[in-house]
Structures are given as structure tokens and as C-alpha cells.
Amino acid sequence: MANPDLLSLIFTYLIVSSIALIMTCNADPSGDHEFSYEEASSSGPKKWGTLSADWKYCSAGKSQSPVNINSRKAKDQPNDLKMAYKEAPATLFNKGHNLVVQWQGDAGGIEVNGSTYKLVQCHWHTPSEHTIDGKRYDAELHFVHSNDQKQLAVIGVLFEVGETDPFIEKMTESKFKGLDADGSDLGKVSASSTTSGSKRYYRYGGSLTTPPCSEGVTWTVAANAKTISKDQIKLLQGAVDHEFHENARPVQELNGRTVTQFEDKEYALLYYLLIILNRLK
């Protein structure tokens, strides 16, 4: 007959191992190790690359994001961006260091240089991570897309304080408070209200702006800032952990990368026609 103590020990080991496996499979990639946005912290942005072997690009990478965009040096390129978003079920999650809207099903996406990317999620940073001509904005929203090869393309939308943002306004204040692991159901949501409206964009090759700082990300940053109210910024900041009220990574060196710019000529034509019509009234 087997030793009861030995059986008990084996049973306990199996239970503990199963729990550890479940925790690993459900872990947030940037939550495996603590990281901070405080420069003086031992886990601050300059230290991210030392916190885990998987995060080495945060320190050793040569194509990191965000960057400062010098509008005068940006090279012209043809418009290769097509956006086609649609309503799809979405859930709001609080990751502690940021708020994430995760889409389920087909929420549409973008086409960049002939490659199709499906919309996966979006999340906020306050203040903005990218700067234009040295100017940092009040907030930035990242729409993350993925193609069949698991390559990422992100659209960055900058915000400055002004009128309320309709995308956030559709979510009631209660959706942001008391979020648990299951998140908060938002119903059907479309990204079109926030991504549309800009007539000029900047493009460069970069990385994720949070650990593991993986490179090979195609960035498209809208040049025309949208507006967000002060109350909405407080709502975003108040929902995350206190130390992440400011969760913007400092700008990184370009290291010889080229930033290009292009214009949505169809939107630009409509924009100028509206101006002319308004003046004729």
C-alpha cells in the first residue's frame, strides 16, 4: 500500500503546479514584473530592460517608441492608409497601469501598404507619449491592430483639453469604476468616431511603448489633435492605480529612422469645401 504521506505530498504538488500554470497563462505580459514611469525609481523607464530578460529591447532596442516628430523634417509619402471600422462587442478592462478596450469579433481595421490589420484593442496614456515639434499633449489613445502574421500596426491619436471626447462620453462613469478581472461590458462600440477627422498623418517604424517594448511596430500618428475634457482626463487617471496617473514613456532616440508624412486628400478636400461653404453663409 502506498505511503499516505507521500500521496498527500504528490497531491499538494499537483495542485500548486496547476494553480501556477493557470496564473501564468492568464498573466498580463506587462504585469509579470513591476514597472514604473517614475524616472528616479529602480523600476523606472531607464531600468525596464533590466527587469526581465524578455524586456531587453526596452534598453537595447534601436527602434523604440515613442519619439518626437519633427514636422519640418518629415518626408512626404503617398497615402497608404485605409480605415474601415465597424461596431462590435467590446469590454473595458483596468490593467492597473492603463485602461484597455478589448474588441471581440470583427471590429474592422486598417489597410497599410496593402496589408490588412484587424483592430484588437485601444488604450490611453496621460499625458501623450509622442510629441510633435517638442510639444507634449494632454492625452494619447493607441488603437492596436494585428495582421495574419501577428505583426502590429498602431494608430496614435493625440488630445488636448477642450470639448468632451465622444468616444469616452459613450461610456458611463460607472463603467470606469470598480472594474474587476471580468471587465465591464460596453456593448457594441466602433473606433470610427475617434480615428476619423485627421487630414495629415506621420509614419515611422517603432516598438511597443510598454514592456516588453517589442520592435517591428508600424506607427501612424495623427497630426491633428482631438479634444478631451478635464473631467474625462480625471476619469481615466482616477480609474488606474495611483502611481500610473501619468503613464507616458519618455521619447526615445530616432537612431537614424525616417519619419514620413502623408495627407488624406479626400478628407482635406471635404474639409476645405466645408470652410468655403461656411464663409458663403
C-alpha atoms as a PDB file:
ATOM      1  CA  MET A   1       0.000   0.000   0.000  1.00  0.00           C
ATOM      2  CA  ALA A   2       1.345   3.458  -0.919  1.00  0.00           C
ATOM      3  CA  ASN A   3       2.582   5.740   1.843  1.00  0.00           C
ATOM      4  CA  PRO A   4      -0.303   8.186   2.736  1.00  0.00           C
ATOM      5  CA  ASP A   5       2.143  10.998   3.468  1.00  0.00           C
ATOM      6  CA  LEU A   6       3.782  10.529   0.075  1.00  0.00           C
ATOM      7  CA  LEU A   7       0.412  10.557  -1.702  1.00  0.00           C
ATOM      8  CA  SER A   8      -0.559  13.712   0.173  1.00  0.00           C
ATOM      9  CA  LEU A   9       2.709  15.380  -0.838  1.00  0.00           C
ATOM     10  CA  ILE A  10       2.229  14.420  -4.509  1.00  0.00           C
ATOM     11  CA  PHE A  11      -1.373  15.654  -4.465  1.00  0.00           C
ATOM     12  CA  THR A  12      -0.326  19.010  -2.941  1.00  0.00           C
ATOM     13  CA  TYR A  13       2.433  19.399  -5.544  1.00  0.00           C
ATOM     14  CA  LEU A  14      -0.003  18.771  -8.413  1.00  0.00           C
ATOM     15  CA  ILE A  15      -2.491  21.310  -7.048  1.00  0.00           C
ATOM     16  CA  VAL A  16       0.174  24.012  -6.592  1.00  0.00           C
ATOM     17  CA  SER A  17       1.607  23.328 -10.071  1.00  0.00           C
ATOM     18  CA  SER A  18      -1.838  23.567 -11.672  1.00  0.00           C
ATOM     19  CA  ILE A  19      -2.548  26.904  -9.975  1.00  0.00           C
ATOM     20  CA  ALA A  20       0.835  28.263 -11.083  1.00  0.00           C
ATOM     21  CA  LEU A  21       0.150  27.180 -14.687  1.00  0.00           C
ATOM     22  CA  ILE A  22      -3.272  28.851 -14.700  1.00  0.00           C
ATOM     23  CA  MET A  23      -1.802  32.083 -13.304  1.00  0.00           C
ATOM     24  CA  THR A  24       0.937  32.066 -15.950  1.00  0.00           C
ATOM     25  CA  CYS A  25      -1.493  31.556 -18.848  1.00  0.00           C
ATOM     26  CA  ASN A  26      -3.706  34.411 -17.680  1.00  0.00           C
ATOM     27  CA  ALA A  27      -0.955  36.879 -16.771  1.00  0.00           C
ATOM     28  CA  ASP A  28      -0.767  40.298 -18.388  1.00  0.00           C
ATOM     29  CA  PRO A  29       2.553  40.377 -20.371  1.00  0.00           C
ATOM     30  CA  SER A  30       3.482  43.722 -18.819  1.00  0.00           C
ATOM     31  CA  GLY A  31       2.371  42.601 -15.394  1.00  0.00           C
ATOM     32  CA  ASP A  32       4.807  39.706 -14.929  1.00  0.00           C
ATOM     33  CA  HIS A  33       7.259  42.183 -13.406  1.00  0.00           C
ATOM     34  CA  GLU A  34       6.581  45.502 -11.773  1.00  0.00           C
ATOM     35  CA  PHE A  35       7.492  48.573 -13.761  1.00  0.00           C
ATOM     36  CA  SER A  36       7.137  52.256 -13.096  1.00  0.00           C
ATOM     37  CA  TYR A  37       7.012  55.533 -15.005  1.00  0.00           C
ATOM     38  CA  GLU A  38       8.916  57.391 -12.285  1.00  0.00           C
ATOM     39  CA  GLU A  39      12.370  58.292 -13.591  1.00  0.00           C
ATOM     40  CA  ALA A  40      14.052  58.008 -10.177  1.00  0.00           C
ATOM     41  CA  SER A  41      12.541  54.588  -9.439  1.00  0.00           C
ATOM     42  CA  SER A  42      14.600  51.385  -9.606  1.00  0.00           C
ATOM     43  CA  SER A  43      11.878  50.097 -11.959  1.00  0.00           C
ATOM     44  CA  GLY A  44      11.585  53.345 -13.971  1.00  0.00           C
ATOM     45  CA  PRO A  45      11.698  53.600 -17.794  1.00  0.00           C
ATOM     46  CA  LYS A  46      15.504  53.575 -17.997  1.00  0.00           C
ATOM     47  CA  LYS A  47      15.539  50.333 -15.949  1.00  0.00           C
ATOM     48  CA  TRP A  48      12.802  48.417 -17.798  1.00  0.00           C
ATOM     49  CA  GLY A  49      15.307  46.444 -19.852  1.00  0.00           C
ATOM     50  CA  THR A  50      16.959  45.079 -16.695  1.00  0.00           C
ATOM     51  CA  LEU A  51      13.763  43.848 -15.015  1.00  0.00           C
ATOM     52  CA  SER A  52      13.344  40.788 -17.236  1.00  0.00           C
ATOM     53  CA  ALA A  53      15.283  39.057 -19.995  1.00  0.00           C
ATOM     54  CA  ASP A  54      12.106  39.303 -22.096  1.00  0.00           C
ATOM     55  CA  TRP A  55      12.223  43.089 -21.798  1.00  0.00           C
ATOM     56  CA  LYS A  56      15.752  43.574 -23.141  1.00  0.00           C
ATOM     57  CA  TYR A  57      14.561  45.676 -26.096  1.00  0.00           C
ATOM     58  CA  CYS A  58      13.426  48.382 -23.665  1.00  0.00           C
ATOM     59  CA  SER A  59      17.134  49.155 -23.160  1.00  0.00           C
ATOM     60  CA  ALA A  60      18.944  47.550 -26.107  1.00  0.00           C
ATOM     61  CA  GLY A  61      16.463  48.273 -28.890  1.00  0.00           C
ATOM     62  CA  LYS A  62      17.355  50.786 -31.600  1.00  0.00           C
ATOM     63  CA  SER A  63      13.822  51.370 -32.937  1.00  0.00           C
ATOM     64  CA  GLN A  64      11.940  52.297 -29.790  1.00  0.00           C
ATOM     65  CA  SER A  65       8.760  54.295 -29.284  1.00  0.00           C
ATOM     66  CA  PRO A  66       7.510  56.911 -28.621  1.00  0.00           C
ATOM     67  CA  VAL A  67       9.504  59.580 -30.471  1.00  0.00           C
ATOM     68  CA  ASN A  68       9.426  63.312 -31.008  1.00  0.00           C
ATOM     69  CA  ILE A  69       8.140  64.048 -34.505  1.00  0.00           C
ATOM     70  CA  ASN A  70       9.864  66.957 -36.230  1.00  0.00           C
ATOM     71  CA  SER A  71       7.217  68.090 -38.713  1.00  0.00           C
ATOM     72  CA  ARG A  72       9.734  70.097 -40.755  1.00  0.00           C
ATOM     73  CA  LYS A  73      11.943  67.053 -41.345  1.00  0.00           C
ATOM     74  CA  ALA A  74       9.183  64.540 -42.099  1.00  0.00           C
ATOM     75  CA  LYS A  75       9.452  63.202 -45.671  1.00  0.00           C
ATOM     76  CA  ASP A  76       6.397  63.140 -47.927  1.00  0.00           C
ATOM     77  CA  GLN A  77       4.954  59.794 -48.948  1.00  0.00           C
ATOM     78  CA  PRO A  78       1.771  58.706 -50.788  1.00  0.00           C
ATOM     79  CA  ASN A  79      -1.250  58.000 -48.608  1.00  0.00           C
ATOM     80  CA  ASP A  80      -1.267  54.238 -47.938  1.00  0.00           C
ATOM     81  CA  LEU A  81      -3.759  54.215 -45.051  1.00  0.00           C
ATOM     82  CA  LYS A  82      -7.336  52.988 -45.372  1.00  0.00           C
ATOM     83  CA  MET A  83      -9.603  52.779 -42.315  1.00  0.00           C
ATOM     84  CA  ALA A  84     -12.796  50.739 -42.152  1.00  0.00           C
ATOM     85  CA  TYR A  85     -14.135  50.269 -38.633  1.00  0.00           C
ATOM     86  CA  LYS A  86     -17.499  48.903 -37.556  1.00  0.00           C
ATOM     87  CA  GLU A  87     -19.416  48.276 -34.373  1.00  0.00           C
ATOM     88  CA  ALA A  88     -18.518  45.128 -32.454  1.00  0.00           C
ATOM     89  CA  PRO A  89     -18.896  43.895 -28.860  1.00  0.00           C
ATOM     90  CA  ALA A  90     -16.220  45.364 -26.584  1.00  0.00           C
ATOM     91  CA  THR A  91     -15.132  45.100 -22.959  1.00  0.00           C
ATOM     92  CA  LEU A  92     -13.344  47.692 -20.810  1.00  0.00           C
ATOM     93  CA  PHE A  93     -10.512  46.329 -18.649  1.00  0.00           C
ATOM     94  CA  ASN A  94      -8.426  48.020 -15.964  1.00  0.00           C
ATOM     95  CA  LYS A  95      -4.839  46.729 -16.214  1.00  0.00           C
ATOM     96  CA  GLY A  96      -3.722  48.860 -13.281  1.00  0.00           C
ATOM     97  CA  HIS A  97      -1.206  50.769 -15.409  1.00  0.00           C
ATOM     98  CA  ASN A  98      -3.770  51.676 -18.098  1.00  0.00           C
ATOM     99  CA  LEU A  99      -7.359  51.205 -19.273  1.00  0.00           C
ATOM    100  CA  VAL A 100      -7.967  48.925 -22.256  1.00  0.00           C
ATOM    101  CA  VAL A 101     -10.966  48.489 -24.549  1.00  0.00           C
ATOM    102  CA  GLN A 102     -10.811  44.965 -25.987  1.00  0.00           C
ATOM    103  CA  TRP A 103     -12.948  44.086 -29.015  1.00  0.00           C
ATOM    104  CA  GLN A 104     -14.486  40.667 -29.552  1.00  0.00           C
ATOM    105  CA  GLY A 105     -15.279  39.588 -33.088  1.00  0.00           C
ATOM    106  CA  ASP A 106     -14.787  41.702 -36.198  1.00  0.00           C
ATOM    107  CA  ALA A 107     -14.450  45.413 -35.369  1.00  0.00           C
ATOM    108  CA  GLY A 108     -12.968  46.239 -38.764  1.00  0.00           C
ATOM    109  CA  GLY A 109      -9.466  47.585 -39.105  1.00  0.00           C
ATOM    110  CA  ILE A 110      -6.988  49.294 -41.387  1.00  0.00           C
ATOM    111  CA  GLU A 111      -5.017  48.654 -44.533  1.00  0.00           C
ATOM    112  CA  VAL A 112      -1.406  49.820 -44.586  1.00  0.00           C
ATOM    113  CA  ASN A 113       0.658  49.464 -47.750  1.00  0.00           C
ATOM    114  CA  GLY A 114      -1.618  46.677 -48.978  1.00  0.00           C
ATOM    115  CA  SER A 115      -1.564  44.679 -45.730  1.00  0.00           C
ATOM    116  CA  THR A 116      -4.789  44.271 -43.739  1.00  0.00           C
ATOM    117  CA  TYR A 117      -4.707  44.678 -39.962  1.00  0.00           C
ATOM    118  CA  LYS A 118      -7.666  43.865 -37.699  1.00  0.00           C
ATOM    119  CA  LEU A 119      -8.489  46.098 -34.721  1.00  0.00           C
ATOM    120  CA  VAL A 120      -7.727  44.326 -31.444  1.00  0.00           C
ATOM    121  CA  GLN A 121      -7.794  46.913 -28.641  1.00  0.00           C
ATOM    122  CA  CYS A 122      -7.169  50.507 -27.663  1.00  0.00           C
ATOM    123  CA  HIS A 123      -5.751  52.105 -24.515  1.00  0.00           C
ATOM    124  CA  TRP A 124      -4.991  55.569 -23.117  1.00  0.00           C
ATOM    125  CA  HIS A 125      -1.849  57.357 -21.916  1.00  0.00           C
ATOM    126  CA  THR A 126      -1.808  60.611 -19.939  1.00  0.00           C
ATOM    127  CA  PRO A 127      -0.056  62.795 -20.911  1.00  0.00           C
ATOM    128  CA  SER A 128       0.746  61.908 -24.540  1.00  0.00           C
ATOM    129  CA  GLU A 129       3.733  59.704 -25.314  1.00  0.00           C
ATOM    130  CA  HIS A 130       4.519  61.067 -28.775  1.00  0.00           C
ATOM    131  CA  THR A 131       5.383  64.727 -29.110  1.00  0.00           C
ATOM    132  CA  ILE A 132       5.221  66.892 -32.224  1.00  0.00           C
ATOM    133  CA  ASP A 133       7.902  69.572 -32.576  1.00  0.00           C
ATOM    134  CA  GLY A 134       8.613  69.103 -28.875  1.00  0.00           C
ATOM    135  CA  LYS A 135       5.007  69.657 -27.798  1.00  0.00           C
ATOM    136  CA  ARG A 136       3.510  67.091 -25.410  1.00  0.00           C
ATOM    137  CA  TYR A 137      -0.280  66.802 -25.479  1.00  0.00           C
ATOM    138  CA  ASP A 138      -2.689  66.102 -22.617  1.00  0.00           C
ATOM    139  CA  ALA A 139      -3.500  62.513 -23.621  1.00  0.00           C
ATOM    140  CA  GLU A 140      -2.927  59.909 -26.308  1.00  0.00           C
ATOM    141  CA  LEU A 141      -5.057  56.982 -27.439  1.00  0.00           C
ATOM    142  CA  HIS A 142      -3.475  53.967 -29.138  1.00  0.00           C
ATOM    143  CA  PHE A 143      -5.514  51.738 -31.464  1.00  0.00           C
ATOM    144  CA  VAL A 144      -3.660  48.416 -31.770  1.00  0.00           C
ATOM    145  CA  HIS A 145      -4.118  46.258 -34.895  1.00  0.00           C
ATOM    146  CA  SER A 146      -2.704  42.876 -35.898  1.00  0.00           C
ATOM    147  CA  ASN A 147      -2.400  41.097 -39.252  1.00  0.00           C
ATOM    148  CA  ASP A 148      -2.280  37.381 -40.118  1.00  0.00           C
ATOM    149  CA  GLN A 149       1.488  37.318 -39.480  1.00  0.00           C
ATOM    150  CA  LYS A 150       0.928  38.731 -35.964  1.00  0.00           C
ATOM    151  CA  GLN A 151       2.607  41.988 -36.997  1.00  0.00           C
ATOM    152  CA  LEU A 152       1.314  45.089 -35.253  1.00  0.00           C
ATOM    153  CA  ALA A 153       0.204  48.462 -36.590  1.00  0.00           C
ATOM    154  CA  VAL A 154      -0.827  51.189 -34.155  1.00  0.00           C
ATOM    155  CA  ILE A 155      -2.677  54.438 -34.792  1.00  0.00           C
ATOM    156  CA  GLY A 156      -1.890  57.141 -32.231  1.00  0.00           C
ATOM    157  CA  VAL A 157      -4.427  59.908 -31.624  1.00  0.00           C
ATOM    158  CA  LEU A 158      -3.351  62.969 -29.634  1.00  0.00           C
ATOM    159  CA  PHE A 159      -5.668  65.001 -27.400  1.00  0.00           C
ATOM    160  CA  GLU A 160      -5.628  68.459 -25.888  1.00  0.00           C
ATOM    161  CA  VAL A 161      -8.013  69.814 -23.270  1.00  0.00           C
ATOM    162  CA  GLY A 162     -11.212  71.218 -24.719  1.00  0.00           C
ATOM    163  CA  GLU A 163     -14.620  69.767 -25.531  1.00  0.00           C
ATOM    164  CA  THR A 164     -15.537  66.246 -24.428  1.00  0.00           C
ATOM    165  CA  ASP A 165     -14.364  63.256 -26.449  1.00  0.00           C
ATOM    166  CA  PRO A 166     -17.426  61.396 -27.851  1.00  0.00           C
ATOM    167  CA  PHE A 167     -15.689  58.007 -27.658  1.00  0.00           C
ATOM    168  CA  ILE A 168     -15.262  58.276 -23.879  1.00  0.00           C
ATOM    169  CA  GLU A 169     -18.604  60.032 -23.490  1.00  0.00           C
ATOM    170  CA  LYS A 170     -20.396  56.906 -24.746  1.00  0.00           C
ATOM    171  CA  MET A 171     -19.101  55.056 -21.705  1.00  0.00           C
ATOM    172  CA  THR A 172     -20.847  55.994 -18.476  1.00  0.00           C
ATOM    173  CA  GLU A 173     -18.723  56.918 -15.457  1.00  0.00           C
ATOM    174  CA  SER A 174     -19.796  53.725 -13.694  1.00  0.00           C
ATOM    175  CA  LYS A 175     -18.029  51.682 -16.397  1.00  0.00           C
ATOM    176  CA  PHE A 176     -14.658  53.029 -15.249  1.00  0.00           C
ATOM    177  CA  LYS A 177     -15.111  52.374 -11.534  1.00  0.00           C
ATOM    178  CA  GLY A 178     -14.775  49.092  -9.682  1.00  0.00           C
ATOM    179  CA  LEU A 179     -13.545  47.133 -12.695  1.00  0.00           C
ATOM    180  CA  ASP A 180     -12.748  43.510 -11.819  1.00  0.00           C
ATOM    181  CA  ALA A 181     -10.962  40.754 -13.744  1.00  0.00           C
ATOM    182  CA  ASP A 182     -14.035  40.226 -15.937  1.00  0.00           C
ATOM    183  CA  GLY A 183     -14.057  43.853 -17.057  1.00  0.00           C
ATOM    184  CA  SER A 184     -17.113  45.934 -17.926  1.00  0.00           C
ATOM    185  CA  ASP A 185     -19.315  45.142 -20.923  1.00  0.00           C
ATOM    186  CA  LEU A 186     -19.558  48.166 -23.267  1.00  0.00           C
ATOM    187  CA  GLY A 187     -21.969  46.652 -25.763  1.00  0.00           C
ATOM    188  CA  LYS A 188     -21.208  47.355 -29.418  1.00  0.00           C
ATOM    189  CA  VAL A 189     -18.556  50.038 -29.963  1.00  0.00           C
ATOM    190  CA  SER A 190     -16.902  51.490 -33.077  1.00  0.00           C
ATOM    191  CA  ALA A 191     -13.488  53.157 -33.255  1.00  0.00           C
ATOM    192  CA  SER A 192     -14.526  55.375 -36.169  1.00  0.00           C
ATOM    193  CA  SER A 193     -15.606  58.379 -34.087  1.00  0.00           C
ATOM    194  CA  THR A 194     -12.090  58.875 -32.728  1.00  0.00           C
ATOM    195  CA  THR A 195      -9.901  57.742 -35.629  1.00  0.00           C
ATOM    196  CA  SER A 196     -11.658  59.834 -38.274  1.00  0.00           C
ATOM    197  CA  GLY A 197     -11.192  63.562 -38.835  1.00  0.00           C
ATOM    198  CA  SER A 198      -7.439  63.969 -39.215  1.00  0.00           C
ATOM    199  CA  LYS A 199      -6.173  65.049 -42.631  1.00  0.00           C
ATOM    200  CA  ARG A 200      -2.451  64.549 -42.014  1.00  0.00           C
ATOM    201  CA  TYR A 201      -0.536  61.638 -40.540  1.00  0.00           C
ATOM    202  CA  TYR A 202       3.041  60.768 -39.600  1.00  0.00           C
ATOM    203  CA  ARG A 203       4.534  57.304 -40.100  1.00  0.00           C
ATOM    204  CA  TYR A 204       7.601  55.553 -38.713  1.00  0.00           C
ATOM    205  CA  GLY A 205       8.792  52.118 -37.586  1.00  0.00           C
ATOM    206  CA  GLY A 206       8.941  51.652 -33.827  1.00  0.00           C
ATOM    207  CA  SER A 207       8.001  49.473 -30.884  1.00  0.00           C
ATOM    208  CA  LEU A 208       5.507  48.866 -28.136  1.00  0.00           C
ATOM    209  CA  THR A 209       5.739  51.704 -25.598  1.00  0.00           C
ATOM    210  CA  THR A 210       5.351  49.379 -22.588  1.00  0.00           C
ATOM    211  CA  PRO A 211       7.356  46.261 -21.695  1.00  0.00           C
ATOM    212  CA  PRO A 212       8.391  44.089 -23.467  1.00  0.00           C
ATOM    213  CA  CYS A 213       8.992  47.020 -25.902  1.00  0.00           C
ATOM    214  CA  SER A 214       8.913  44.631 -28.900  1.00  0.00           C
ATOM    215  CA  GLU A 215      10.030  46.247 -32.160  1.00  0.00           C
ATOM    216  CA  GLY A 216       8.662  45.929 -35.690  1.00  0.00           C
ATOM    217  CA  VAL A 217       5.550  48.000 -34.958  1.00  0.00           C
ATOM    218  CA  THR A 218       4.227  50.258 -37.742  1.00  0.00           C
ATOM    219  CA  TRP A 219       3.218  53.567 -36.161  1.00  0.00           C
ATOM    220  CA  THR A 220       0.794  56.070 -37.697  1.00  0.00           C
ATOM    221  CA  VAL A 221       0.284  59.221 -35.618  1.00  0.00           C
ATOM    222  CA  ALA A 222      -2.494  61.683 -36.474  1.00  0.00           C
ATOM    223  CA  ALA A 223      -1.131  65.215 -36.781  1.00  0.00           C
ATOM    224  CA  ASN A 224      -4.420  66.887 -35.884  1.00  0.00           C
ATOM    225  CA  ALA A 225      -5.153  66.689 -32.158  1.00  0.00           C
ATOM    226  CA  LYS A 226      -8.653  65.984 -30.921  1.00  0.00           C
ATOM    227  CA  THR A 227     -10.182  67.378 -27.738  1.00  0.00           C
ATOM    228  CA  ILE A 228     -10.816  65.806 -24.357  1.00  0.00           C
ATOM    229  CA  SER A 229     -12.339  67.440 -21.293  1.00  0.00           C
ATOM    230  CA  LYS A 230     -10.516  67.847 -17.974  1.00  0.00           C
ATOM    231  CA  ASP A 231     -13.169  65.690 -16.307  1.00  0.00           C
ATOM    232  CA  GLN A 232     -12.533  62.910 -18.799  1.00  0.00           C
ATOM    233  CA  ILE A 233      -8.795  63.005 -18.087  1.00  0.00           C
ATOM    234  CA  LYS A 234      -9.576  62.785 -14.358  1.00  0.00           C
ATOM    235  CA  LEU A 235     -11.864  59.840 -15.098  1.00  0.00           C
ATOM    236  CA  LEU A 236      -9.108  57.973 -16.957  1.00  0.00           C
ATOM    237  CA  GLN A 237      -6.481  58.726 -14.316  1.00  0.00           C
ATOM    238  CA  GLY A 238      -8.757  58.017 -11.370  1.00  0.00           C
ATOM    239  CA  ALA A 239      -9.546  54.509 -12.573  1.00  0.00           C
ATOM    240  CA  VAL A 240      -5.942  53.227 -12.700  1.00  0.00           C
ATOM    241  CA  ASP A 241      -3.521  52.728  -9.823  1.00  0.00           C
ATOM    242  CA  HIS A 242      -2.327  55.993  -8.255  1.00  0.00           C
ATOM    243  CA  GLU A 243       1.291  55.639  -9.406  1.00  0.00           C
ATOM    244  CA  PHE A 244       0.120  55.331 -13.020  1.00  0.00           C
ATOM    245  CA  HIS A 245      -1.878  58.567 -13.235  1.00  0.00           C
ATOM    246  CA  GLU A 246       0.950  59.695 -15.501  1.00  0.00           C
ATOM    247  CA  ASN A 247       1.765  56.700 -17.685  1.00  0.00           C
ATOM    248  CA  ALA A 248       3.716  58.122 -20.625  1.00  0.00           C
ATOM    249  CA  ARG A 249       7.099  56.684 -21.552  1.00  0.00           C
ATOM    250  CA  PRO A 250       9.725  59.377 -22.335  1.00  0.00           C
ATOM    251  CA  VAL A 251      10.511  59.933 -26.017  1.00  0.00           C
ATOM    252  CA  GLN A 252      13.224  57.686 -27.459  1.00  0.00           C
ATOM    253  CA  GLU A 253      16.066  58.417 -29.873  1.00  0.00           C
ATOM    254  CA  LEU A 254      15.273  58.088 -33.584  1.00  0.00           C
ATOM    255  CA  ASN A 255      18.666  56.456 -34.265  1.00  0.00           C
ATOM    256  CA  GLY A 256      18.568  57.340 -37.950  1.00  0.00           C
ATOM    257  CA  ARG A 257      14.953  56.347 -38.567  1.00  0.00           C
ATOM    258  CA  THR A 258      12.969  58.348 -41.103  1.00  0.00           C
ATOM    259  CA  VAL A 259       9.603  59.841 -40.209  1.00  0.00           C
ATOM    260  CA  THR A 260       7.296  60.283 -43.192  1.00  0.00           C
ATOM    261  CA  GLN A 261       4.060  62.221 -43.585  1.00  0.00           C
ATOM    262  CA  PHE A 262       1.043  61.881 -45.819  1.00  0.00           C
ATOM    263  CA  GLU A 263      -2.294  63.558 -46.311  1.00  0.00           C
ATOM    264  CA  ASP A 264      -5.798  62.171 -46.648  1.00  0.00           C
ATOM    265  CA  LYS A 265      -6.611  64.217 -49.755  1.00  0.00           C
ATOM    266  CA  GLU A 266     -10.273  63.147 -49.844  1.00  0.00           C
ATOM    267  CA  TYR A 267     -10.808  64.396 -46.305  1.00  0.00           C
ATOM    268  CA  ALA A 268      -8.722  67.517 -46.961  1.00  0.00           C
ATOM    269  CA  LEU A 269     -10.886  68.398 -49.987  1.00  0.00           C
ATOM    270  CA  LEU A 270     -14.086  67.941 -47.967  1.00  0.00           C
ATOM    271  CA  TYR A 271     -12.587  69.996 -45.108  1.00  0.00           C
ATOM    272  CA  TYR A 272     -11.774  72.960 -47.362  1.00  0.00           C
ATOM    273  CA  LEU A 273     -15.167  72.760 -49.103  1.00  0.00           C
ATOM    274  CA  LEU A 274     -16.877  72.996 -45.722  1.00  0.00           C
ATOM    275  CA  ILE A 275     -14.779  76.065 -44.871  1.00  0.00           C
ATOM    276  CA  ILE A 276     -15.783  77.727 -48.146  1.00  0.00           C
ATOM    277  CA  LEU A 277     -19.485  76.878 -47.625  1.00  0.00           C
ATOM    278  CA  ASN A 278     -19.388  78.312 -44.095  1.00  0.00           C
ATOM    279  CA  ARG A 279     -17.873  81.568 -45.386  1.00  0.00           C
ATOM    280  CA  LEU A 280     -20.584  81.854 -48.029  1.00  0.00           C
ATOM    281  CA  LYS A 281     -23.379  81.686 -45.432  1.00  0.00           C
END
